C-alpha cells in the first residue's frame, strides 16, 4: 500500500476504474478507451 501510494494518483485511478472496463470491452472499443486513458494520464503534471 505504501508503494502504491507513491504512484501518480491519476494512474492509480485509471487502473481501478478504466482497466477493468477495458478488459470487458470488445477489442476495438478497448483499444480506443486505452488510448484516451493513456492520453489523459500522461498529460497530468505529476506524470
ModelCIF file with pLDDT and N, C-alpha, C, O atoms, coordinates in Angstrom:
data_MODEL
#
_entry.id   MODEL 
#
_entity.id                         1 
_entity.type                       polymer 
_entity.pdbx_number_of_molecules   1 
#
_entity_poly.entity_id                      1 
_entity_poly.type                           'polypeptide(L)' 
_entity_poly.nstd_linkage                   no 
_entity_poly.nstd_monomer                   no 
_entity_poly.pdbx_seq_one_letter_code       
;(UNK)(UNK)(UNK)(UNK)(UNK)(UNK)(UNK)(UNK)(UNK)(UNK)(UNK)(UNK)(UNK)(UNK)(UNK)(UNK)
(UNK)(UNK)(UNK)(UNK)(UNK)(UNK)(UNK)(UNK)(UNK)(UNK)(UNK)(UNK)(UNK)(UNK)(UNK)(UNK)
(UNK)(UNK)(UNK)(UNK)(UNK)(UNK)(UNK)(UNK)(UNK)(UNK)(UNK)(UNK)(UNK)(UNK)(UNK)
;
_entity_poly.pdbx_seq_one_letter_code_can   XXXXXXXXXXXXXXXXXXXXXXXXXXXXXXXXXXXXXXXXXXXXXXX 
_entity_poly.pdbx_strand_id                 A 
#
loop_
_entity_poly_seq.entity_id 
_entity_poly_seq.num 
_entity_poly_seq.mon_id 
_entity_poly_seq.hetero 
1 1  UNK n 
1 2  UNK n 
1 3  UNK n 
1 4  UNK n 
1 5  UNK n 
1 6  UNK n 
1 7  UNK n 
1 8  UNK n 
1 9  UNK n 
1 10 UNK n 
1 11 UNK n 
1 12 UNK n 
1 13 UNK n 
1 14 UNK n 
1 15 UNK n 
1 16 UNK n 
1 17 UNK n 
1 18 UNK n 
1 19 UNK n 
1 20 UNK n 
1 21 UNK n 
1 22 UNK n 
1 23 UNK n 
1 24 UNK n 
1 25 UNK n 
1 26 UNK n 
1 27 UNK n 
1 28 UNK n 
1 29 UNK n 
1 30 UNK n 
1 31 UNK n 
1 32 UNK n 
1 33 UNK n 
1 34 UNK n 
1 35 UNK n 
1 36 UNK n 
1 37 UNK n 
1 38 UNK n 
1 39 UNK n 
1 40 UNK n 
1 41 UNK n 
1 42 UNK n 
1 43 UNK n 
1 44 UNK n 
1 45 UNK n 
1 46 UNK n 
1 47 UNK n 
#
_struct_asym.id          A 
_struct_asym.entity_id   1 
#
loop_
_ma_qa_metric.id 
_ma_qa_metric.mode 
_ma_qa_metric.name 
_ma_qa_metric.software_group_id 
_ma_qa_metric.type 
1 global pLDDT . pLDDT 
2 local  pLDDT . pLDDT 
#
_ma_qa_metric_global.metric_id      1 
_ma_qa_metric_global.metric_value   91.94 
_ma_qa_metric_global.model_id       1 
_ma_qa_metric_global.ordinal_id     1 
#
loop_
_ma_qa_metric_local.label_asym_id 
_ma_qa_metric_local.label_comp_id 
_ma_qa_metric_local.label_seq_id 
_ma_qa_metric_local.metric_id 
_ma_qa_metric_local.metric_value 
_ma_qa_metric_local.model_id 
_ma_qa_metric_local.ordinal_id 
A UNK 1  2 98.00 1 1  
A UNK 2  2 97.00 1 2  
A UNK 3  2 96.00 1 3  
A UNK 4  2 98.00 1 4  
A UNK 5  2 97.00 1 5  
A UNK 6  2 94.00 1 6  
A UNK 7  2 93.00 1 7  
A UNK 8  2 91.00 1 8  
A UNK 9  2 91.00 1 9  
A UNK 10 2 91.00 1 10 
A UNK 11 2 92.00 1 11 
A UNK 12 2 95.00 1 12 
A UNK 13 2 94.00 1 13 
A UNK 14 2 94.00 1 14 
A UNK 15 2 95.00 1 15 
A UNK 16 2 95.00 1 16 
A UNK 17 2 95.00 1 17 
A UNK 18 2 95.00 1 18 
A UNK 19 2 95.00 1 19 
A UNK 20 2 94.00 1 20 
A UNK 21 2 95.00 1 21 
A UNK 22 2 96.00 1 22 
A UNK 23 2 94.00 1 23 
A UNK 24 2 94.00 1 24 
A UNK 25 2 97.00 1 25 
A UNK 26 2 97.00 1 26 
A UNK 27 2 97.00 1 27 
A UNK 28 2 97.00 1 28 
A UNK 29 2 97.00 1 29 
A UNK 30 2 97.00 1 30 
A UNK 31 2 97.00 1 31 
A UNK 32 2 97.00 1 32 
A UNK 33 2 96.00 1 33 
A UNK 34 2 96.00 1 34 
A UNK 35 2 97.00 1 35 
A UNK 36 2 95.00 1 36 
A UNK 37 2 92.00 1 37 
A UNK 38 2 91.00 1 38 
A UNK 39 2 92.00 1 39 
A UNK 40 2 90.00 1 40 
A UNK 41 2 88.00 1 41 
A UNK 42 2 85.00 1 42 
A UNK 43 2 82.00 1 43 
A UNK 44 2 70.00 1 44 
A UNK 45 2 73.00 1 45 
A UNK 46 2 69.00 1 46 
A UNK 47 2 60.00 1 47 
#
loop_
_atom_site.group_PDB 
_atom_site.id 
_atom_site.type_symbol 
_atom_site.label_atom_id 
_atom_site.label_alt_id 
_atom_site.label_comp_id 
_atom_site.label_asym_id 
_atom_site.label_entity_id 
_atom_site.label_seq_id 
_atom_site.pdbx_PDB_ins_code 
_atom_site.Cartn_x 
_atom_site.Cartn_y 
_atom_site.Cartn_z 
_atom_site.occupancy 
_atom_site.B_iso_or_equiv 
_atom_site.pdbx_formal_charge 
_atom_site.auth_seq_id 
_atom_site.auth_comp_id 
_atom_site.auth_asym_id 
_atom_site.auth_atom_id 
_atom_site.pdbx_PDB_model_num 
ATOM 1   N N  . UNK A 1 1  ? 0.826   -1.203 0.000   1.00 98.00 ? 1  UNK A N  1 
ATOM 2   C CA . UNK A 1 1  ? 0.000   0.000  0.000   1.00 98.00 ? 1  UNK A CA 1 
ATOM 3   C C  . UNK A 1 1  ? 0.861   1.255  0.000   1.00 98.00 ? 1  UNK A C  1 
ATOM 4   O O  . UNK A 1 1  ? 0.549   2.223  -0.693  1.00 98.00 ? 1  UNK A O  1 
ATOM 5   N N  . UNK A 1 2  ? 1.938   1.242  0.769   1.00 97.00 ? 2  UNK A N  1 
ATOM 6   C CA . UNK A 1 2  ? 2.833   2.403  0.790   1.00 97.00 ? 2  UNK A CA 1 
ATOM 7   C C  . UNK A 1 2  ? 3.494   2.610  -0.570  1.00 97.00 ? 2  UNK A C  1 
ATOM 8   O O  . UNK A 1 2  ? 3.704   3.743  -1.002  1.00 97.00 ? 2  UNK A O  1 
ATOM 9   N N  . UNK A 1 3  ? 3.820   1.498  -1.241  1.00 96.00 ? 3  UNK A N  1 
ATOM 10  C CA . UNK A 1 3  ? 4.401   1.605  -2.581  1.00 96.00 ? 3  UNK A CA 1 
ATOM 11  C C  . UNK A 1 3  ? 3.368   2.149  -3.573  1.00 96.00 ? 3  UNK A C  1 
ATOM 12  O O  . UNK A 1 3  ? 3.679   3.023  -4.382  1.00 96.00 ? 3  UNK A O  1 
ATOM 13  N N  . UNK A 1 4  ? 2.143   1.631  -3.505  1.00 98.00 ? 4  UNK A N  1 
ATOM 14  C CA . UNK A 1 4  ? 1.065   2.079  -4.391  1.00 98.00 ? 4  UNK A CA 1 
ATOM 15  C C  . UNK A 1 4  ? 0.770   3.559  -4.178  1.00 98.00 ? 4  UNK A C  1 
ATOM 16  O O  . UNK A 1 4  ? 0.490   4.286  -5.131  1.00 98.00 ? 4  UNK A O  1 
ATOM 17  N N  . UNK A 1 5  ? 0.833   4.002  -2.917  1.00 97.00 ? 5  UNK A N  1 
ATOM 18  C CA . UNK A 1 5  ? 0.534   5.399  -2.589  1.00 97.00 ? 5  UNK A CA 1 
ATOM 19  C C  . UNK A 1 5  ? 1.516   6.367  -3.223  1.00 97.00 ? 5  UNK A C  1 
ATOM 20  O O  . UNK A 1 5  ? 1.217   7.555  -3.342  1.00 97.00 ? 5  UNK A O  1 
ATOM 21  N N  . UNK A 1 6  ? 2.690   5.883  -3.634  1.00 94.00 ? 6  UNK A N  1 
ATOM 22  C CA . UNK A 1 6  ? 3.689   6.736  -4.267  1.00 94.00 ? 6  UNK A CA 1 
ATOM 23  C C  . UNK A 1 6  ? 3.411   6.957  -5.756  1.00 94.00 ? 6  UNK A C  1 
ATOM 24  O O  . UNK A 1 6  ? 4.017   7.833  -6.373  1.00 94.00 ? 6  UNK A O  1 
ATOM 25  N N  . UNK A 1 7  ? 2.505   6.177  -6.334  1.00 93.00 ? 7  UNK A N  1 
ATOM 26  C CA . UNK A 1 7  ? 2.203   6.308  -7.761  1.00 93.00 ? 7  UNK A CA 1 
ATOM 27  C C  . UNK A 1 7  ? 1.484   7.622  -8.044  1.00 93.00 ? 7  UNK A C  1 
ATOM 28  O O  . UNK A 1 7  ? 0.950   8.268  -7.142  1.00 93.00 ? 7  UNK A O  1 
ATOM 29  N N  . UNK A 1 8  ? 1.485   7.998  -9.313  1.00 91.00 ? 8  UNK A N  1 
ATOM 30  C CA . UNK A 1 8  ? 0.684   9.143  -9.731  1.00 91.00 ? 8  UNK A CA 1 
ATOM 31  C C  . UNK A 1 8  ? -0.797  8.819  -9.494  1.00 91.00 ? 8  UNK A C  1 
ATOM 32  O O  . UNK A 1 8  ? -1.272  7.774  -9.939  1.00 91.00 ? 8  UNK A O  1 
ATOM 33  N N  . UNK A 1 9  ? -1.528  9.693  -8.804  1.00 91.00 ? 9  UNK A N  1 
ATOM 34  C CA . UNK A 1 9  ? -2.926  9.391  -8.481  1.00 91.00 ? 9  UNK A CA 1 
ATOM 35  C C  . UNK A 1 9  ? -3.786  9.079  -9.699  1.00 91.00 ? 9  UNK A C  1 
ATOM 36  O O  . UNK A 1 9  ? -4.651  8.206  -9.636  1.00 91.00 ? 9  UNK A O  1 
ATOM 37  N N  . UNK A 1 10 ? -3.560  9.777  -10.799 1.00 91.00 ? 10 UNK A N  1 
ATOM 38  C CA . UNK A 1 10 ? -4.389  9.539  -11.977 1.00 91.00 ? 10 UNK A CA 1 
ATOM 39  C C  . UNK A 1 10 ? -4.127  8.172  -12.584 1.00 91.00 ? 10 UNK A C  1 
ATOM 40  O O  . UNK A 1 10 ? -5.043  7.543  -13.112 1.00 91.00 ? 10 UNK A O  1 
ATOM 41  N N  . UNK A 1 11 ? -2.882  7.705  -12.515 1.00 92.00 ? 11 UNK A N  1 
ATOM 42  C CA . UNK A 1 11 ? -2.580  6.355  -12.993 1.00 92.00 ? 11 UNK A CA 1 
ATOM 43  C C  . UNK A 1 11 ? -3.273  5.321  -12.121 1.00 92.00 ? 11 UNK A C  1 
ATOM 44  O O  . UNK A 1 11 ? -3.861  4.370  -12.636 1.00 92.00 ? 11 UNK A O  1 
ATOM 45  N N  . UNK A 1 12 ? -3.212  5.497  -10.801 1.00 95.00 ? 12 UNK A N  1 
ATOM 46  C CA . UNK A 1 12 ? -3.931  4.580  -9.917  1.00 95.00 ? 12 UNK A CA 1 
ATOM 47  C C  . UNK A 1 12 ? -5.421  4.581  -10.219 1.00 95.00 ? 12 UNK A C  1 
ATOM 48  O O  . UNK A 1 12 ? -6.056  3.526  -10.239 1.00 95.00 ? 12 UNK A O  1 
ATOM 49  N N  . UNK A 1 13 ? -5.975  5.754  -10.454 1.00 94.00 ? 13 UNK A N  1 
ATOM 50  C CA . UNK A 1 13 ? -7.406  5.852  -10.765 1.00 94.00 ? 13 UNK A CA 1 
ATOM 51  C C  . UNK A 1 13 ? -7.722  5.096  -12.057 1.00 94.00 ? 13 UNK A C  1 
ATOM 52  O O  . UNK A 1 13 ? -8.733  4.400  -12.145 1.00 94.00 ? 13 UNK A O  1 
ATOM 53  N N  . UNK A 1 14 ? -6.855  5.239  -13.050 1.00 94.00 ? 14 UNK A N  1 
ATOM 54  C CA . UNK A 1 14 ? -7.075  4.544  -14.316 1.00 94.00 ? 14 UNK A CA 1 
ATOM 55  C C  . UNK A 1 14 ? -7.041  3.034  -14.133 1.00 94.00 ? 14 UNK A C  1 
ATOM 56  O O  . UNK A 1 14 ? -7.837  2.312  -14.734 1.00 94.00 ? 14 UNK A O  1 
ATOM 57  N N  . UNK A 1 15 ? -6.119  2.558  -13.300 1.00 95.00 ? 15 UNK A N  1 
ATOM 58  C CA . UNK A 1 15 ? -6.014  1.112  -13.072 1.00 95.00 ? 15 UNK A CA 1 
ATOM 59  C C  . UNK A 1 15 ? -7.240  0.577  -12.339 1.00 95.00 ? 15 UNK A C  1 
ATOM 60  O O  . UNK A 1 15 ? -7.649  -0.562 -12.568 1.00 95.00 ? 15 UNK A O  1 
ATOM 61  N N  . UNK A 1 16 ? -7.822  1.375  -11.471 1.00 95.00 ? 16 UNK A N  1 
ATOM 62  C CA . UNK A 1 16 ? -9.011  0.942  -10.723 1.00 95.00 ? 16 UNK A CA 1 
ATOM 63  C C  . UNK A 1 16 ? -10.281 1.025  -11.548 1.00 95.00 ? 16 UNK A C  1 
ATOM 64  O O  . UNK A 1 16 ? -11.126 0.131  -11.492 1.00 95.00 ? 16 UNK A O  1 
ATOM 65  N N  . UNK A 1 17 ? -10.415 2.095  -12.313 1.00 95.00 ? 17 UNK A N  1 
ATOM 66  C CA . UNK A 1 17 ? -11.689 2.389  -12.969 1.00 95.00 ? 17 UNK A CA 1 
ATOM 67  C C  . UNK A 1 17 ? -11.701 2.076  -14.461 1.00 95.00 ? 17 UNK A C  1 
ATOM 68  O O  . UNK A 1 17 ? -12.710 1.611  -14.989 1.00 95.00 ? 17 UNK A O  1 
ATOM 69  N N  . UNK A 1 18 ? -10.586 2.328  -15.142 1.00 95.00 ? 18 UNK A N  1 
ATOM 70  C CA . UNK A 1 18 ? -10.572 2.120  -16.590 1.00 95.00 ? 18 UNK A CA 1 
ATOM 71  C C  . UNK A 1 18 ? -10.197 0.701  -16.977 1.00 95.00 ? 18 UNK A C  1 
ATOM 72  O O  . UNK A 1 18 ? -10.851 0.092  -17.823 1.00 95.00 ? 18 UNK A O  1 
ATOM 73  N N  . UNK A 1 19 ? -9.139  0.168  -16.357 1.00 95.00 ? 19 UNK A N  1 
ATOM 74  C CA . UNK A 1 19 ? -8.649  -1.148 -16.782 1.00 95.00 ? 19 UNK A CA 1 
ATOM 75  C C  . UNK A 1 19 ? -9.711  -2.248 -16.696 1.00 95.00 ? 19 UNK A C  1 
ATOM 76  O O  . UNK A 1 19 ? -9.843  -3.012 -17.653 1.00 95.00 ? 19 UNK A O  1 
ATOM 77  N N  . UNK A 1 20 ? -10.480 -2.372 -15.598 1.00 94.00 ? 20 UNK A N  1 
ATOM 78  C CA . UNK A 1 20 ? -11.496 -3.436 -15.575 1.00 94.00 ? 20 UNK A CA 1 
ATOM 79  C C  . UNK A 1 20 ? -12.544 -3.284 -16.671 1.00 94.00 ? 20 UNK A C  1 
ATOM 80  O O  . UNK A 1 20 ? -13.046 -4.276 -17.199 1.00 94.00 ? 20 UNK A O  1 
ATOM 81  N N  . UNK A 1 21 ? -12.867 -2.057 -17.008 1.00 95.00 ? 21 UNK A N  1 
ATOM 82  C CA . UNK A 1 21 ? -13.871 -1.830 -18.054 1.00 95.00 ? 21 UNK A CA 1 
ATOM 83  C C  . UNK A 1 21 ? -13.284 -2.110 -19.429 1.00 95.00 ? 21 UNK A C  1 
ATOM 84  O O  . UNK A 1 21 ? -13.959 -2.672 -20.292 1.00 95.00 ? 21 UNK A O  1 
ATOM 85  N N  . UNK A 1 22 ? -12.033 -1.724 -19.638 1.00 96.00 ? 22 UNK A N  1 
ATOM 86  C CA . UNK A 1 22 ? -11.378 -2.021 -20.910 1.00 96.00 ? 22 UNK A CA 1 
ATOM 87  C C  . UNK A 1 22 ? -11.323 -3.528 -21.132 1.00 96.00 ? 22 UNK A C  1 
ATOM 88  O O  . UNK A 1 22 ? -11.543 -4.005 -22.245 1.00 96.00 ? 22 UNK A O  1 
ATOM 89  N N  . UNK A 1 23 ? -11.028 -4.277 -20.069 1.00 94.00 ? 23 UNK A N  1 
ATOM 90  C CA . UNK A 1 23 ? -10.916 -5.736 -20.186 1.00 94.00 ? 23 UNK A CA 1 
ATOM 91  C C  . UNK A 1 23 ? -12.218 -6.382 -20.625 1.00 94.00 ? 23 UNK A C  1 
ATOM 92  O O  . UNK A 1 23 ? -12.206 -7.476 -21.190 1.00 94.00 ? 23 UNK A O  1 
ATOM 93  N N  . UNK A 1 24 ? -13.347 -5.716 -20.372 1.00 94.00 ? 24 UNK A N  1 
ATOM 94  C CA . UNK A 1 24 ? -14.651 -6.278 -20.722 1.00 94.00 ? 24 UNK A CA 1 
ATOM 95  C C  . UNK A 1 24 ? -15.164 -5.763 -22.063 1.00 94.00 ? 24 UNK A C  1 
ATOM 96  O O  . UNK A 1 24 ? -16.178 -6.254 -22.560 1.00 94.00 ? 24 UNK A O  1 
ATOM 97  N N  . UNK A 1 25 ? -14.487 -4.789 -22.654 1.00 97.00 ? 25 UNK A N  1 
ATOM 98  C CA . UNK A 1 25 ? -14.956 -4.222 -23.909 1.00 97.00 ? 25 UNK A CA 1 
ATOM 99  C C  . UNK A 1 25 ? -14.488 -5.056 -25.103 1.00 97.00 ? 25 UNK A C  1 
ATOM 100 O O  . UNK A 1 25 ? -13.469 -5.741 -25.014 1.00 97.00 ? 25 UNK A O  1 
ATOM 101 N N  . UNK A 1 26 ? -15.219 -5.006 -26.213 1.00 97.00 ? 26 UNK A N  1 
ATOM 102 C CA . UNK A 1 26 ? -14.682 -5.583 -27.453 1.00 97.00 ? 26 UNK A CA 1 
ATOM 103 C C  . UNK A 1 26 ? -13.339 -4.932 -27.766 1.00 97.00 ? 26 UNK A C  1 
ATOM 104 O O  . UNK A 1 26 ? -13.097 -3.792 -27.368 1.00 97.00 ? 26 UNK A O  1 
ATOM 105 N N  . UNK A 1 27 ? -12.479 -5.633 -28.462 1.00 97.00 ? 27 UNK A N  1 
ATOM 106 C CA . UNK A 1 27 ? -11.110 -5.182 -28.660 1.00 97.00 ? 27 UNK A CA 1 
ATOM 107 C C  . UNK A 1 27 ? -11.029 -3.777 -29.250 1.00 97.00 ? 27 UNK A C  1 
ATOM 108 O O  . UNK A 1 27 ? -10.244 -2.955 -28.775 1.00 97.00 ? 27 UNK A O  1 
ATOM 109 N N  . UNK A 1 28 ? -11.833 -3.487 -30.284 1.00 97.00 ? 28 UNK A N  1 
ATOM 110 C CA . UNK A 1 28 ? -11.709 -2.170 -30.922 1.00 97.00 ? 28 UNK A CA 1 
ATOM 111 C C  . UNK A 1 28 ? -12.108 -1.056 -29.967 1.00 97.00 ? 28 UNK A C  1 
ATOM 112 O O  . UNK A 1 28 ? -11.500 0.014  -29.980 1.00 97.00 ? 28 UNK A O  1 
ATOM 113 N N  . UNK A 1 29 ? -13.123 -1.291 -29.136 1.00 97.00 ? 29 UNK A N  1 
ATOM 114 C CA . UNK A 1 29 ? -13.513 -0.287 -28.146 1.00 97.00 ? 29 UNK A CA 1 
ATOM 115 C C  . UNK A 1 29 ? -12.467 -0.182 -27.038 1.00 97.00 ? 29 UNK A C  1 
ATOM 116 O O  . UNK A 1 29 ? -12.160 0.909  -26.558 1.00 97.00 ? 29 UNK A O  1 
ATOM 117 N N  . UNK A 1 30 ? -11.924 -1.337 -26.641 1.00 97.00 ? 30 UNK A N  1 
ATOM 118 C CA . UNK A 1 30 ? -10.905 -1.337 -25.604 1.00 97.00 ? 30 UNK A CA 1 
ATOM 119 C C  . UNK A 1 30 ? -9.669  -0.567 -26.028 1.00 97.00 ? 30 UNK A C  1 
ATOM 120 O O  . UNK A 1 30 ? -9.105  0.189  -25.237 1.00 97.00 ? 30 UNK A O  1 
ATOM 121 N N  . UNK A 1 31 ? -9.240  -0.754 -27.285 1.00 97.00 ? 31 UNK A N  1 
ATOM 122 C CA . UNK A 1 31 ? -8.072  -0.028 -27.767 1.00 97.00 ? 31 UNK A CA 1 
ATOM 123 C C  . UNK A 1 31 ? -8.313  1.485  -27.727 1.00 97.00 ? 31 UNK A C  1 
ATOM 124 O O  . UNK A 1 31 ? -7.426  2.256  -27.361 1.00 97.00 ? 31 UNK A O  1 
ATOM 125 N N  . UNK A 1 32 ? -9.523  1.895  -28.109 1.00 97.00 ? 32 UNK A N  1 
ATOM 126 C CA . UNK A 1 32 ? -9.821  3.325  -28.131 1.00 97.00 ? 32 UNK A CA 1 
ATOM 127 C C  . UNK A 1 32 ? -9.880  3.889  -26.714 1.00 97.00 ? 32 UNK A C  1 
ATOM 128 O O  . UNK A 1 32 ? -9.346  4.965  -26.445 1.00 97.00 ? 32 UNK A O  1 
ATOM 129 N N  . UNK A 1 33 ? -10.529 3.161  -25.813 1.00 96.00 ? 33 UNK A N  1 
ATOM 130 C CA . UNK A 1 33 ? -10.583 3.606  -24.419 1.00 96.00 ? 33 UNK A CA 1 
ATOM 131 C C  . UNK A 1 33 ? -9.180  3.679  -23.823 1.00 96.00 ? 33 UNK A C  1 
ATOM 132 O O  . UNK A 1 33 ? -8.861  4.614  -23.090 1.00 96.00 ? 33 UNK A O  1 
ATOM 133 N N  . UNK A 1 34 ? -8.351  2.699  -24.136 1.00 96.00 ? 34 UNK A N  1 
ATOM 134 C CA . UNK A 1 34 ? -6.965  2.715  -23.667 1.00 96.00 ? 34 UNK A CA 1 
ATOM 135 C C  . UNK A 1 34 ? -6.243  3.962  -24.155 1.00 96.00 ? 34 UNK A C  1 
ATOM 136 O O  . UNK A 1 34 ? -5.539  4.610  -23.380 1.00 96.00 ? 34 UNK A O  1 
ATOM 137 N N  . UNK A 1 35 ? -6.407  4.303  -25.418 1.00 97.00 ? 35 UNK A N  1 
ATOM 138 C CA . UNK A 1 35 ? -5.738  5.476  -25.980 1.00 97.00 ? 35 UNK A CA 1 
ATOM 139 C C  . UNK A 1 35 ? -6.184  6.752  -25.268 1.00 97.00 ? 35 UNK A C  1 
ATOM 140 O O  . UNK A 1 35 ? -5.366  7.619  -24.960 1.00 97.00 ? 35 UNK A O  1 
ATOM 141 N N  . UNK A 1 36 ? -7.481  6.855  -25.013 1.00 95.00 ? 36 UNK A N  1 
ATOM 142 C CA . UNK A 1 36 ? -7.982  8.032  -24.299 1.00 95.00 ? 36 UNK A CA 1 
ATOM 143 C C  . UNK A 1 36 ? -7.394  8.115  -22.895 1.00 95.00 ? 36 UNK A C  1 
ATOM 144 O O  . UNK A 1 36 ? -6.974  9.185  -22.454 1.00 95.00 ? 36 UNK A O  1 
ATOM 145 N N  . UNK A 1 37 ? -7.365  6.982  -22.195 1.00 92.00 ? 37 UNK A N  1 
ATOM 146 C CA . UNK A 1 37 ? -6.866  6.980  -20.825 1.00 92.00 ? 37 UNK A CA 1 
ATOM 147 C C  . UNK A 1 37 ? -5.373  7.255  -20.796 1.00 92.00 ? 37 UNK A C  1 
ATOM 148 O O  . UNK A 1 37 ? -4.891  7.956  -19.907 1.00 92.00 ? 37 UNK A O  1 
ATOM 149 N N  . UNK A 1 38 ? -4.638  6.716  -21.751 1.00 91.00 ? 38 UNK A N  1 
ATOM 150 C CA . UNK A 1 38 ? -3.200  6.974  -21.824 1.00 91.00 ? 38 UNK A CA 1 
ATOM 151 C C  . UNK A 1 38 ? -2.927  8.453  -22.044 1.00 91.00 ? 38 UNK A C  1 
ATOM 152 O O  . UNK A 1 38 ? -2.028  9.025  -21.428 1.00 91.00 ? 38 UNK A O  1 
ATOM 153 N N  . UNK A 1 39 ? -3.707  9.066  -22.926 1.00 92.00 ? 39 UNK A N  1 
ATOM 154 C CA . UNK A 1 39 ? -3.521  10.497 -23.211 1.00 92.00 ? 39 UNK A CA 1 
ATOM 155 C C  . UNK A 1 39 ? -3.826  11.345 -21.980 1.00 92.00 ? 39 UNK A C  1 
ATOM 156 O O  . UNK A 1 39 ? -3.111  12.303 -21.685 1.00 92.00 ? 39 UNK A O  1 
ATOM 157 N N  . UNK A 1 40 ? -4.879  10.993 -21.271 1.00 90.00 ? 40 UNK A N  1 
ATOM 158 C CA . UNK A 1 40 ? -5.255  11.764 -20.084 1.00 90.00 ? 40 UNK A CA 1 
ATOM 159 C C  . UNK A 1 40 ? -4.207  11.605 -18.988 1.00 90.00 ? 40 UNK A C  1 
ATOM 160 O O  . UNK A 1 40 ? -3.795  12.586 -18.368 1.00 90.00 ? 40 UNK A O  1 
ATOM 161 N N  . UNK A 1 41 ? -3.775  10.361 -18.749 1.00 88.00 ? 41 UNK A N  1 
ATOM 162 C CA . UNK A 1 41 ? -2.821  10.107 -17.664 1.00 88.00 ? 41 UNK A CA 1 
ATOM 163 C C  . UNK A 1 41 ? -1.495  10.821 -17.899 1.00 88.00 ? 41 UNK A C  1 
ATOM 164 O O  . UNK A 1 41 ? -0.937  11.421 -16.981 1.00 88.00 ? 41 UNK A O  1 
ATOM 165 N N  . UNK A 1 42 ? -0.991  10.756 -19.132 1.00 85.00 ? 42 UNK A N  1 
ATOM 166 C CA . UNK A 1 42 ? 0.327   11.330 -19.387 1.00 85.00 ? 42 UNK A CA 1 
ATOM 167 C C  . UNK A 1 42 ? 0.306   12.852 -19.423 1.00 85.00 ? 42 UNK A C  1 
ATOM 168 O O  . UNK A 1 42 ? 1.360   13.487 -19.387 1.00 85.00 ? 42 UNK A O  1 
ATOM 169 N N  . UNK A 1 43 ? -0.888  13.443 -19.493 1.00 82.00 ? 43 UNK A N  1 
ATOM 170 C CA . UNK A 1 43 ? -0.986  14.904 -19.519 1.00 82.00 ? 43 UNK A CA 1 
ATOM 171 C C  . UNK A 1 43 ? -0.933  15.525 -18.126 1.00 82.00 ? 43 UNK A C  1 
ATOM 172 O O  . UNK A 1 43 ? -0.787  16.741 -18.004 1.00 82.00 ? 43 UNK A O  1 
ATOM 173 N N  . UNK A 1 44 ? -1.046  14.719 -17.081 1.00 70.00 ? 44 UNK A N  1 
ATOM 174 C CA . UNK A 1 44 ? -1.019  15.250 -15.715 1.00 70.00 ? 44 UNK A CA 1 
ATOM 175 C C  . UNK A 1 44 ? 0.368   15.784 -15.387 1.00 70.00 ? 44 UNK A C  1 
ATOM 176 O O  . UNK A 1 44 ? 1.363   15.176 -15.782 1.00 70.00 ? 44 UNK A O  1 
ATOM 177 N N  . UNK A 1 45 ? 0.461   16.902 -14.677 1.00 73.00 ? 45 UNK A N  1 
ATOM 178 C CA . UNK A 1 45 ? 1.777   17.462 -14.320 1.00 73.00 ? 45 UNK A CA 1 
ATOM 179 C C  . UNK A 1 45 ? 2.661   16.471 -13.572 1.00 73.00 ? 45 UNK A C  1 
ATOM 180 O O  . UNK A 1 45 ? 3.870   16.424 -13.797 1.00 73.00 ? 45 UNK A O  1 
ATOM 181 N N  . UNK A 1 46 ? 2.069   15.684 -12.690 1.00 69.00 ? 46 UNK A N  1 
ATOM 182 C CA . UNK A 1 46 ? 2.834   14.698 -11.934 1.00 69.00 ? 46 UNK A CA 1 
ATOM 183 C C  . UNK A 1 46 ? 3.469   13.682 -12.880 1.00 69.00 ? 46 UNK A C  1 
ATOM 184 O O  . UNK A 1 46 ? 4.632   13.312 -12.712 1.00 69.00 ? 46 UNK A O  1 
ATOM 185 N N  . UNK A 1 47 ? 2.702   13.233 -13.875 1.00 60.00 ? 47 UNK A N  1 
ATOM 186 C CA . UNK A 1 47 ? 3.231   12.256 -14.835 1.00 60.00 ? 47 UNK A CA 1 
ATOM 187 C C  . UNK A 1 47 ? 4.367   12.853 -15.659 1.00 60.00 ? 47 UNK A C  1 
ATOM 188 O O  . UNK A 1 47 ? 4.931   12.174 -16.517 1.00 60.00 ? 47 UNK A O  1 
#
